[in-house]
């Protein structure tokens, strides 16, 4: 039986990848061909049209990347305390950490990031990310913009949004995996280890939105530092590989004998998507990619034996196995407790950064970059690490209506830092410059939507490509141009 959590019957916006895998692993087995055809036909009829735009291939960096790892540092990391130190600023701005030199001559990061300092020659730091908030001062709305490239229609004064729905703009990973699906039978887009969340709003900005549920990521909302439950990617015990393979062959034969049905559903009787889902389950590619016991102990420890580090290791294994996009969300709830999870350091900034957050970031992120490089994957994989905003340069002030402790920092979208690497991005570079207090860009300001456009460009997708939404209205992937100076 095909199960669609929270819904009954068939859905015209398709089913999730997890559900299609369940079709592959459980049956084709408990679902009749007629029902499967009905499902595929409905999903196809509801699928948005995509109108490519030519011209980008003439520009530097276009199509240099084949894969994308999106590291979203939810909560808003303090740029001035991590990767844009200002040692000459006044005490109430520069904070408690000292700068240390990096592999880029003349460039420094905070002392809490010694491992990142060693791999900076493989990355580009962008120290001039900036936007003026218009209902985007709080997490959910800012997250939505960072995920989709669009500002939400409805924002309350607190910044809270309505729960995710199919009228939402698709997240970047869904757009990429829809336009550039994997060639091999593999999960196109995986998101882990937990959903994007602020207070009671869960998953906003992290779905395929109007692309339909069939384009949603495969949500692995588990802790990779613990044993994973991936039974939906495994064959049922009573069904052997040989038996599943026989059934796949039988289905191919049935298709070949039913041209009138194929014509009726525009050749979507058992489309390539279903065949790949079935092949994926039979091959065990995804199941194997999630199995961290195959990694050497030293490798796992280098990433860090914590949720964030092991999630990044899973990301590398997925990319290596053929997944197109992996999004790793910092495993926290915005507005959570900063001493245990979130980067949202209102009450206390320095203790959590020094003792909890930065040690995890400084083990996982540099290990991923070095590992991708050693395996020859970095040249084809673009990596973007960023939060929804930075933190206020001045300590103890309120910039968003929140109460802050004497050493706490509030939300600050006017200037912050992101890191990019791989996929044609320049190596050993620092792009843009903040002013003396890291309060505003001094050179080469970059809007977050331009970073999304840069990723699309690197993936060989024109950022102004038109996709029809759920109402048939044309919408651009993102209304911004790539920052071509970021490419080498």
Protein backbone atom coordinates (compact mmCIF):
# COMPACT_ATOMS: atom_id res chain seq x y z
CA UNK A 1 0.00 0.00 0.00
CA UNK A 2 1.40 3.42 -0.95
CA UNK A 3 1.22 5.64 2.11
CA UNK A 4 1.22 9.43 1.96
CA UNK A 5 1.52 10.79 5.51
CA UNK A 6 -1.18 13.33 6.36
CA UNK A 7 -3.16 12.76 3.16
CA UNK A 8 -5.59 10.24 1.78
CA UNK A 9 -5.99 9.05 -1.74
CA UNK A 10 -3.93 10.32 -4.64
CA UNK A 11 -2.26 13.68 -4.82
CA UNK A 12 -1.89 15.68 -8.01
CA UNK A 13 1.33 17.30 -6.89
CA UNK A 14 3.09 13.97 -6.75
CA UNK A 15 4.51 12.02 -3.87
CA UNK A 16 7.73 12.49 -1.98
CA UNK A 17 10.90 10.67 -2.96
CA UNK A 18 10.66 8.68 0.25
CA UNK A 19 7.22 7.46 -0.86
CA UNK A 20 8.36 6.59 -4.35
CA UNK A 21 11.20 4.62 -2.83
CA UNK A 22 8.65 2.84 -0.69
CA UNK A 23 6.88 1.89 -3.91
CA UNK A 24 10.19 0.52 -5.19
CA UNK A 25 11.10 -1.31 -2.02
CA UNK A 26 7.75 -2.58 -0.87
CA UNK A 27 6.01 -3.68 -3.74
CA UNK A 28 5.24 -2.49 -7.10
CA UNK A 29 4.22 -5.13 -5.00
CA UNK A 30 1.13 -3.68 -3.36
CA UNK A 31 0.32 -0.99 -5.94
CA UNK A 32 -1.53 -1.91 -9.12
CA UNK A 33 -0.15 -0.81 -12.46
CA UNK A 34 -3.31 1.16 -13.12
CA UNK A 35 -2.92 3.11 -9.88
CA UNK A 36 0.75 3.71 -10.52
CA UNK A 37 -0.08 5.01 -13.99
CA UNK A 38 -2.74 7.25 -12.51
CA UNK A 39 -0.27 8.61 -9.99
CA UNK A 40 2.43 9.26 -12.57
CA UNK A 41 -0.02 10.87 -14.97
CA UNK A 42 -1.37 13.18 -12.29
CA UNK A 43 2.09 14.15 -11.13
CA UNK A 44 3.17 14.82 -14.71
CA UNK A 45 0.11 16.94 -15.46
CA UNK A 46 0.76 19.07 -12.39
CA UNK A 47 4.49 19.45 -12.97
CA UNK A 48 5.60 23.00 -13.78
CA UNK A 49 7.17 23.80 -17.10
CA UNK A 50 10.77 25.01 -17.13
CA UNK A 51 11.95 27.46 -19.77
CA UNK A 52 15.75 27.50 -20.05
CA UNK A 53 17.56 30.73 -20.88
CA UNK A 54 20.68 30.60 -23.04
CA UNK A 55 23.76 32.74 -22.79
CA UNK A 56 25.29 31.85 -19.45
CA UNK A 57 27.64 29.33 -21.02
CA UNK A 58 29.68 32.21 -22.44
CA UNK A 59 30.52 33.47 -18.96
CA UNK A 60 33.32 32.46 -16.61
CA UNK A 61 32.47 29.66 -14.21
CA UNK A 62 29.31 28.50 -15.98
CA UNK A 63 28.71 24.78 -15.55
CA UNK A 64 31.95 24.17 -13.63
CA UNK A 65 30.11 22.31 -10.85
CA UNK A 66 28.23 19.04 -11.05
CA UNK A 67 27.20 18.83 -7.40
CA UNK A 68 26.27 21.17 -4.58
CA UNK A 69 26.69 20.95 -0.80
CA UNK A 70 24.74 23.65 1.04
CA UNK A 71 25.79 24.10 4.67
CA UNK A 72 23.21 26.25 6.39
CA UNK A 73 24.37 27.61 9.76
CA UNK A 74 20.97 28.29 11.21
CA UNK A 75 20.61 30.96 13.85
CA UNK A 76 23.01 33.58 12.50
CA UNK A 77 26.72 32.98 13.34
CA UNK A 78 28.72 35.95 14.57
CA UNK A 79 30.89 36.93 11.63
CA UNK A 80 33.12 39.21 13.69
CA UNK A 81 33.93 36.38 16.14
CA UNK A 82 34.51 33.66 13.55
CA UNK A 83 35.87 34.76 10.18
CA UNK A 84 36.04 38.55 10.06
CA UNK A 85 37.92 39.59 13.22
CA UNK A 86 38.47 43.28 13.96
CA UNK A 87 41.29 43.42 16.54
CA UNK A 88 41.63 47.21 16.29
CA UNK A 89 37.94 47.90 17.00
CA UNK A 90 36.79 49.16 20.43
CA UNK A 91 36.39 46.60 23.25
CA UNK A 92 32.60 46.48 22.98
CA UNK A 93 32.91 45.48 19.33
CA UNK A 94 36.00 43.33 18.82
CA UNK A 95 35.03 40.80 21.49
CA UNK A 96 37.18 38.31 23.39
CA UNK A 97 38.87 36.30 20.62
CA UNK A 98 42.23 37.02 19.03
CA UNK A 99 42.94 36.73 15.27
CA UNK A 100 45.24 34.01 13.89
CA UNK A 101 46.94 33.88 10.47
CA UNK A 102 45.57 31.67 7.72
CA UNK A 103 46.94 29.88 4.66
CA UNK A 104 46.18 33.12 2.76
CA UNK A 105 48.99 35.57 3.39
CA UNK A 106 47.80 38.63 5.26
CA UNK A 107 44.36 37.22 6.09
CA UNK A 108 43.16 36.21 9.54
CA UNK A 109 40.32 34.34 11.19
CA UNK A 110 39.39 34.01 14.84
CA UNK A 111 41.51 31.86 17.17
CA UNK A 112 38.52 29.52 17.61
CA UNK A 113 38.91 28.38 13.97
CA UNK A 114 42.48 26.97 13.71
CA UNK A 115 41.58 24.15 11.32
CA UNK A 116 39.72 26.47 8.97
CA UNK A 117 42.80 28.70 8.88
CA UNK A 118 44.78 25.79 7.39
CA UNK A 119 42.39 25.16 4.47
CA UNK A 120 41.66 28.77 3.53
CA UNK A 121 43.89 28.34 0.48
CA UNK A 122 41.14 26.12 -0.97
CA UNK A 123 38.25 28.51 -0.31
CA UNK A 124 36.88 31.98 -0.85
CA UNK A 125 35.62 34.00 2.11
CA UNK A 126 32.98 36.56 1.22
CA UNK A 127 33.07 39.23 3.92
CA UNK A 128 30.52 41.58 2.41
CA UNK A 129 27.21 39.70 2.36
CA UNK A 130 24.52 42.25 3.07
CA UNK A 131 20.84 43.05 2.75
CA UNK A 132 18.47 45.62 4.19
CA UNK A 133 15.75 43.88 6.17
CA UNK A 134 12.16 44.38 5.02
CA UNK A 135 10.31 42.05 7.36
CA UNK A 136 13.47 39.92 7.34
CA UNK A 137 14.96 40.79 10.70
CA UNK A 138 13.94 37.53 12.33
CA UNK A 139 14.91 33.99 11.53
CA UNK A 140 12.06 32.39 9.62
CA UNK A 141 11.65 35.11 7.03
CA UNK A 142 15.42 35.46 6.59
CA UNK A 143 15.79 31.68 6.27
CA UNK A 144 13.08 31.62 3.61
CA UNK A 145 14.98 34.24 1.58
CA UNK A 146 18.26 32.33 1.91
CA UNK A 147 16.66 29.03 0.88
CA UNK A 148 14.50 30.24 -2.01
CA UNK A 149 15.86 33.60 -3.14
CA UNK A 150 12.52 35.28 -2.46
CA UNK A 151 11.04 37.22 0.41
CA UNK A 152 7.88 35.72 1.91
CA UNK A 153 4.52 37.31 1.18
CA UNK A 154 3.24 37.22 4.75
CA UNK A 155 5.49 38.26 7.63
CA UNK A 156 4.21 39.16 11.07
CA UNK A 157 5.97 41.86 13.11
CA UNK A 158 7.77 39.05 14.95
CA UNK A 159 9.03 37.62 11.67
CA UNK A 160 6.96 34.44 12.01
CA UNK A 161 5.52 32.88 8.89
CA UNK A 162 2.73 30.46 8.15
CA UNK A 163 3.72 26.78 7.89
CA UNK A 164 5.15 25.53 4.57
CA UNK A 165 2.65 24.99 1.76
CA UNK A 166 2.62 24.25 -1.96
CA UNK A 167 2.37 27.93 -2.84
CA UNK A 168 5.87 28.50 -1.43
CA UNK A 169 8.82 29.17 -3.69
CA UNK A 170 10.99 26.04 -4.06
CA UNK A 171 14.24 25.84 -2.17
CA UNK A 172 17.39 26.03 -4.27
CA UNK A 173 18.22 22.34 -3.89
CA UNK A 174 14.83 21.32 -5.27
CA UNK A 175 15.23 23.63 -8.26
CA UNK A 176 18.68 22.27 -9.07
CA UNK A 177 17.78 18.61 -8.69
CA UNK A 178 14.66 19.13 -10.80
CA UNK A 179 16.58 20.76 -13.64
CA UNK A 180 19.75 18.67 -13.27
CA UNK A 181 18.64 15.24 -12.02
CA UNK A 182 21.35 12.64 -11.39
CA UNK A 183 22.24 10.38 -14.28
CA UNK A 184 22.64 7.36 -11.99
CA UNK A 185 19.86 5.82 -9.89
CA UNK A 186 20.47 7.89 -6.76
CA UNK A 187 18.63 10.26 -4.44
CA UNK A 188 18.73 13.64 -6.25
CA UNK A 189 18.47 15.88 -3.17
CA UNK A 190 18.99 15.01 0.49
CA UNK A 191 18.42 17.28 3.50
CA UNK A 192 19.71 16.41 6.98
CA UNK A 193 19.92 16.12 10.00
CA UNK A 194 16.85 18.12 11.04
CA UNK A 195 14.33 20.52 9.48
CA UNK A 196 14.67 24.26 9.41
CA UNK A 197 12.71 25.52 12.39
CA UNK A 198 11.92 28.59 14.41
CA UNK A 199 9.56 28.18 17.32
CA UNK A 200 6.48 26.38 15.97
CA UNK A 201 7.19 26.96 12.28
CA UNK A 202 8.90 23.84 10.93
CA UNK A 203 10.31 23.35 7.46
CA UNK A 204 9.56 26.78 6.00
CA UNK A 205 11.80 27.32 2.97
CA UNK A 206 12.99 23.72 2.98
CA UNK A 207 10.52 22.17 0.54
CA UNK A 208 10.01 22.05 -3.21
CA UNK A 209 7.02 24.37 -2.80
CA UNK A 210 5.09 24.81 -6.03
CA UNK A 211 7.29 22.25 -7.83
CA UNK A 212 5.27 19.60 -5.98
CA UNK A 213 6.03 16.97 -3.38
CA UNK A 214 7.77 14.71 -5.91
CA UNK A 215 10.59 17.28 -6.00
CA UNK A 216 10.96 17.52 -2.22
CA UNK A 217 14.29 16.45 -0.78
CA UNK A 218 14.75 13.07 0.82
CA UNK A 219 14.56 14.16 4.44
CA UNK A 220 16.99 12.24 6.64
CA UNK A 221 16.00 13.85 9.90
CA UNK A 222 18.15 11.67 12.12
CA UNK A 223 21.47 12.06 13.89
CA UNK A 224 24.27 10.55 11.75
CA UNK A 225 26.45 10.39 14.87
CA UNK A 226 24.11 7.58 15.96
CA UNK A 227 22.90 4.47 14.18
CA UNK A 228 20.63 5.43 11.27
CA UNK A 229 17.30 3.86 10.44
CA UNK A 230 17.17 3.62 6.64
CA UNK A 231 14.73 0.75 6.24
CA UNK A 232 12.86 2.58 3.50
CA UNK A 233 15.99 2.31 1.35
CA UNK A 234 16.28 -1.43 1.89
CA UNK A 235 14.57 -4.41 0.33
CA UNK A 236 12.02 -6.15 2.49
CA UNK A 237 13.54 -9.28 3.96
CA UNK A 238 11.10 -11.51 2.12
CA UNK A 239 11.94 -9.91 -1.24
CA UNK A 240 15.30 -10.85 -2.73
CA UNK A 241 17.32 -8.76 -5.18
CA UNK A 242 16.69 -11.39 -7.84
CA UNK A 243 12.96 -11.26 -7.24
CA UNK A 244 12.88 -7.45 -7.38
CA UNK A 245 14.99 -7.49 -10.55
CA UNK A 246 12.59 -10.01 -12.13
CA UNK A 247 9.67 -7.77 -11.30
CA UNK A 248 11.44 -4.78 -12.83
CA UNK A 249 11.95 -6.82 -16.00
CA UNK A 250 8.31 -7.88 -15.98
CA UNK A 251 7.24 -4.25 -15.64
CA UNK A 252 9.38 -3.30 -18.63
CA UNK A 253 7.69 -6.05 -20.63
CA UNK A 254 4.26 -4.89 -19.50
CA UNK A 255 5.10 -1.38 -20.63
CA UNK A 256 6.23 -2.59 -24.04
CA UNK A 257 2.93 -4.44 -24.47
CA UNK A 258 0.80 -1.41 -23.58
CA UNK A 259 1.54 1.37 -26.08
CA UNK A 260 -2.00 2.69 -25.91
CA UNK A 261 -1.63 3.30 -22.17
CA UNK A 262 1.75 4.89 -22.67
CA UNK A 263 0.26 7.23 -25.22
CA UNK A 264 -2.65 8.05 -22.93
CA UNK A 265 -0.33 9.20 -20.17
CA UNK A 266 2.22 10.85 -22.46
CA UNK A 267 4.74 8.05 -22.09
CA UNK A 268 4.70 8.23 -18.31
CA UNK A 269 3.43 4.67 -17.72
CA UNK A 270 6.51 3.65 -15.81
CA UNK A 271 8.70 6.66 -16.35
CA UNK A 272 12.39 6.98 -15.82
CA UNK A 273 11.83 8.34 -12.32
CA UNK A 274 10.10 5.13 -11.17
CA UNK A 275 12.66 2.92 -12.84
CA UNK A 276 15.49 4.80 -11.17
CA UNK A 277 13.74 4.56 -7.80
CA UNK A 278 13.45 0.81 -8.25
CA UNK A 279 17.06 0.55 -9.43
CA UNK A 280 18.17 2.61 -6.45
CA UNK A 281 16.59 0.22 -3.98
CA UNK A 282 17.96 -2.84 -5.79
CA UNK A 283 21.47 -1.41 -6.14
CA UNK A 284 21.71 -0.30 -2.51
CA UNK A 285 23.64 2.85 -3.54
CA UNK A 286 21.84 5.18 -1.16
CA UNK A 287 21.76 2.69 1.69
CA UNK A 288 25.51 2.20 1.34
CA UNK A 289 26.15 5.96 1.20
CA UNK A 290 24.47 6.41 4.58
CA UNK A 291 26.55 3.65 6.17
CA UNK A 292 29.29 5.48 8.06
CA UNK A 293 30.66 2.24 9.47
CA UNK A 294 32.46 1.88 6.13
CA UNK A 295 34.58 4.93 6.95
CA UNK A 296 37.88 4.72 8.79
CA UNK A 297 37.74 5.71 12.44
CA UNK A 298 40.35 8.43 11.82
CA UNK A 299 38.20 9.97 9.07
CA UNK A 300 35.11 10.06 11.24
CA UNK A 301 37.05 11.60 14.11
CA UNK A 302 38.54 14.23 11.81
CA UNK A 303 35.03 15.40 10.90
CA UNK A 304 34.08 15.26 14.57
CA UNK A 305 31.98 12.65 16.34
CA UNK A 306 29.02 14.97 16.62
CA UNK A 307 25.85 15.56 14.62
CA UNK A 308 27.24 18.35 12.44
CA UNK A 309 30.52 16.64 11.60
CA UNK A 310 28.96 13.28 10.80
CA UNK A 311 26.27 14.99 8.71
CA UNK A 312 28.99 16.55 6.57
CA UNK A 313 30.65 13.16 6.19
CA UNK A 314 27.31 11.72 5.02
CA UNK A 315 27.11 14.64 2.56
CA UNK A 316 30.48 13.74 1.06
CA UNK A 317 29.49 10.07 0.77
CA UNK A 318 26.19 10.99 -0.91
CA UNK A 319 27.91 13.25 -3.44
CA UNK A 320 30.43 10.50 -4.13
CA UNK A 321 27.56 8.05 -4.70
CA UNK A 322 25.82 10.31 -7.21
CA UNK A 323 23.48 12.61 -5.27
CA UNK A 324 23.24 16.02 -6.93
CA UNK A 325 22.47 18.25 -3.91
CA UNK A 326 22.94 17.77 -0.18
CA UNK A 327 21.83 20.37 2.34
CA UNK A 328 23.19 20.10 5.87
CA UNK A 329 21.29 22.26 8.35
CA UNK A 330 23.12 23.26 11.51
CA UNK A 331 21.35 20.96 13.97
CA UNK A 332 19.58 23.60 16.01
CA UNK A 333 16.30 25.43 16.44
CA UNK A 334 16.44 29.17 15.85
CA UNK A 335 15.60 30.95 19.11
CA UNK A 336 16.79 27.81 20.88
CA UNK A 337 19.13 27.64 23.83
CA UNK A 338 22.47 29.11 22.65
CA UNK A 339 24.38 27.15 25.27
CA UNK A 340 23.31 23.85 23.72
CA UNK A 341 22.45 24.38 20.06
CA UNK A 342 21.67 27.61 18.24
CA UNK A 343 24.04 30.24 16.83
CA UNK A 344 21.43 32.67 18.15
CA UNK A 345 23.71 34.10 20.83
CA UNK A 346 21.60 36.86 22.39
CA UNK A 347 22.18 36.13 26.06
CA UNK A 348 25.78 34.91 25.84
CA UNK A 349 28.05 34.93 22.83
CA UNK A 350 31.61 33.99 23.69
CA UNK A 351 31.23 30.96 25.94
CA UNK A 352 29.00 28.98 23.53
CA UNK A 353 31.15 29.94 20.53
CA UNK A 354 34.42 28.95 22.20
CA UNK A 355 33.27 25.78 23.93
CA UNK A 356 30.57 24.35 21.68
CA UNK A 357 29.76 25.85 18.30
CA UNK A 358 33.12 26.78 16.81
CA UNK A 359 34.89 23.54 17.78
CA UNK A 360 32.19 21.63 15.88
CA UNK A 361 32.25 24.00 12.92
CA UNK A 362 36.06 23.96 12.90
CA UNK A 363 36.23 20.18 12.80
CA UNK A 364 33.46 19.48 10.28
CA UNK A 365 33.81 22.22 7.67
CA UNK A 366 37.61 22.09 7.15
CA UNK A 367 37.52 18.28 7.16
CA UNK A 368 34.89 18.31 4.41
CA UNK A 369 36.87 20.72 2.25
CA UNK A 370 40.11 18.77 2.69
CA UNK A 371 38.37 15.43 2.11
CA UNK A 372 36.68 16.63 -1.09
CA UNK A 373 40.03 17.93 -2.30
CA UNK A 374 41.88 14.67 -1.54
CA UNK A 375 39.25 12.62 -3.36
CA UNK A 376 39.22 14.85 -6.43
CA UNK A 377 35.62 15.90 -5.77
CA UNK A 378 36.13 19.57 -4.92
CA UNK A 379 36.62 20.69 -8.50
CA UNK A 380 33.13 19.40 -9.38
CA UNK A 381 31.38 20.22 -6.10
CA UNK A 382 30.45 23.75 -5.11
CA UNK A 383 30.21 24.30 -1.35
CA UNK A 384 28.37 27.18 0.28
CA UNK A 385 28.38 27.75 4.05
CA UNK A 386 26.28 30.62 5.36
CA UNK A 387 23.65 31.64 7.91
CA UNK A 388 20.54 33.78 7.47
CA UNK A 389 22.41 36.82 8.85
CA UNK A 390 25.33 37.77 11.11
CA UNK A 391 25.42 39.25 14.61
CA UNK A 392 25.52 42.87 15.73
CA UNK A 393 29.07 44.23 15.95
CA UNK A 394 28.27 46.11 19.14
CA UNK A 395 27.72 43.96 22.22
CA UNK A 396 24.63 44.17 24.40
CA UNK A 397 22.48 46.28 22.06
CA UNK A 398 19.06 45.48 20.61
CA UNK A 399 18.75 45.68 16.83
CA UNK A 400 15.72 43.43 16.32
CA UNK A 401 13.62 43.98 19.42
CA UNK A 402 15.24 41.08 21.26
CA UNK A 403 16.74 41.33 24.71
CA UNK A 404 20.49 40.76 24.74
CA UNK A 405 22.96 40.10 27.53
CA UNK A 406 26.02 42.30 28.11
CA UNK A 407 28.15 39.95 25.96
CA UNK A 408 25.34 38.93 23.59
CA UNK A 409 25.01 39.97 19.97
CA UNK A 410 21.72 40.61 18.16
CA UNK A 411 20.68 39.92 14.55
CA UNK A 412 22.67 41.80 11.88
CA UNK A 413 21.79 41.38 8.17
CA UNK A 414 23.67 44.51 7.08
CA UNK A 415 27.06 42.78 6.84
CA UNK A 416 28.20 39.21 7.43
CA UNK A 417 30.40 36.46 6.01
CA UNK A 418 29.92 33.32 3.94
CA UNK A 419 32.37 30.71 2.68
CA UNK A 420 32.43 29.17 -0.78
CA UNK A 421 34.70 26.55 -2.29
CA UNK A 422 34.96 24.21 -5.27
CA UNK A 423 33.07 24.12 -8.55
CA UNK A 424 35.19 26.80 -10.19
CA UNK A 425 35.20 29.19 -7.20
CA UNK A 426 38.56 30.93 -6.73
CA UNK A 427 40.97 29.33 -4.25
CA UNK A 428 42.76 31.22 -1.52
CA UNK A 429 40.71 34.37 -1.96
CA UNK A 430 38.84 36.88 0.15
CA UNK A 431 36.08 38.70 -1.70
CA UNK A 432 34.60 41.96 -0.49
CA UNK A 433 35.55 43.87 2.59
CA UNK A 434 33.70 45.04 5.66
CA UNK A 435 34.31 48.36 7.36
CA UNK A 436 36.39 48.84 10.52
CA UNK A 437 33.65 47.48 12.77
CA UNK A 438 32.22 44.79 10.44
CA UNK A 439 29.00 46.79 10.36
CA UNK A 440 28.65 47.36 6.61
CA UNK A 441 30.37 46.37 3.36
CA UNK A 442 33.20 48.69 2.42
CA UNK A 443 33.82 46.99 -0.92
CA UNK A 444 31.82 44.68 -3.20
CA UNK A 445 28.61 44.18 -1.26
CA UNK A 446 26.87 40.88 -2.11
CA UNK A 447 23.17 40.21 -1.61
CA UNK A 448 22.28 36.65 -0.51
CA UNK A 449 20.25 36.19 -3.69
CA UNK A 450 23.42 36.83 -5.69
CA UNK A 451 25.04 33.88 -3.94
CA UNK A 452 22.11 31.69 -4.99
CA UNK A 453 22.49 32.99 -8.55
CA UNK A 454 26.20 32.17 -8.38
CA UNK A 455 25.44 28.58 -7.35
CA UNK A 456 22.90 28.16 -10.17
CA UNK A 457 25.46 29.59 -12.60
CA UNK A 458 28.17 27.20 -11.40
CA UNK A 459 25.73 24.31 -11.83
CA UNK A 460 25.19 25.27 -15.47
CA UNK A 461 21.73 26.76 -14.87
CA UNK A 462 20.93 30.32 -15.88
CA UNK A 463 19.64 32.00 -12.69
CA UNK A 464 16.87 33.75 -14.65
CA UNK A 465 15.47 30.47 -15.96
CA UNK A 466 11.66 30.60 -15.90
CA UNK A 467 9.64 28.07 -13.92
CA UNK A 468 5.85 28.18 -13.84
CA UNK A 469 4.37 28.15 -10.35
CA UNK A 470 1.29 26.29 -9.12
CA UNK A 471 -0.95 28.87 -10.82
CA UNK A 472 0.89 28.65 -14.12
CA UNK A 473 2.55 32.02 -13.57
CA UNK A 474 6.15 32.43 -14.79
CA UNK A 475 8.74 32.90 -12.07
CA UNK A 476 12.53 33.27 -12.30
CA UNK A 477 14.73 30.91 -10.30
CA UNK A 478 16.13 34.01 -8.63
CA UNK A 479 16.00 37.70 -9.48
CA UNK A 480 19.73 38.29 -9.26
CA UNK A 481 22.89 37.85 -11.28
CA UNK A 482 25.88 35.70 -10.36
CA UNK A 483 29.00 37.27 -8.89
CA UNK A 484 31.39 36.31 -11.66
CA UNK A 485 34.40 37.70 -9.79
CA UNK A 486 34.08 34.79 -7.36
CA UNK A 487 35.26 32.37 -10.04
CA UNK A 488 38.90 31.73 -10.79
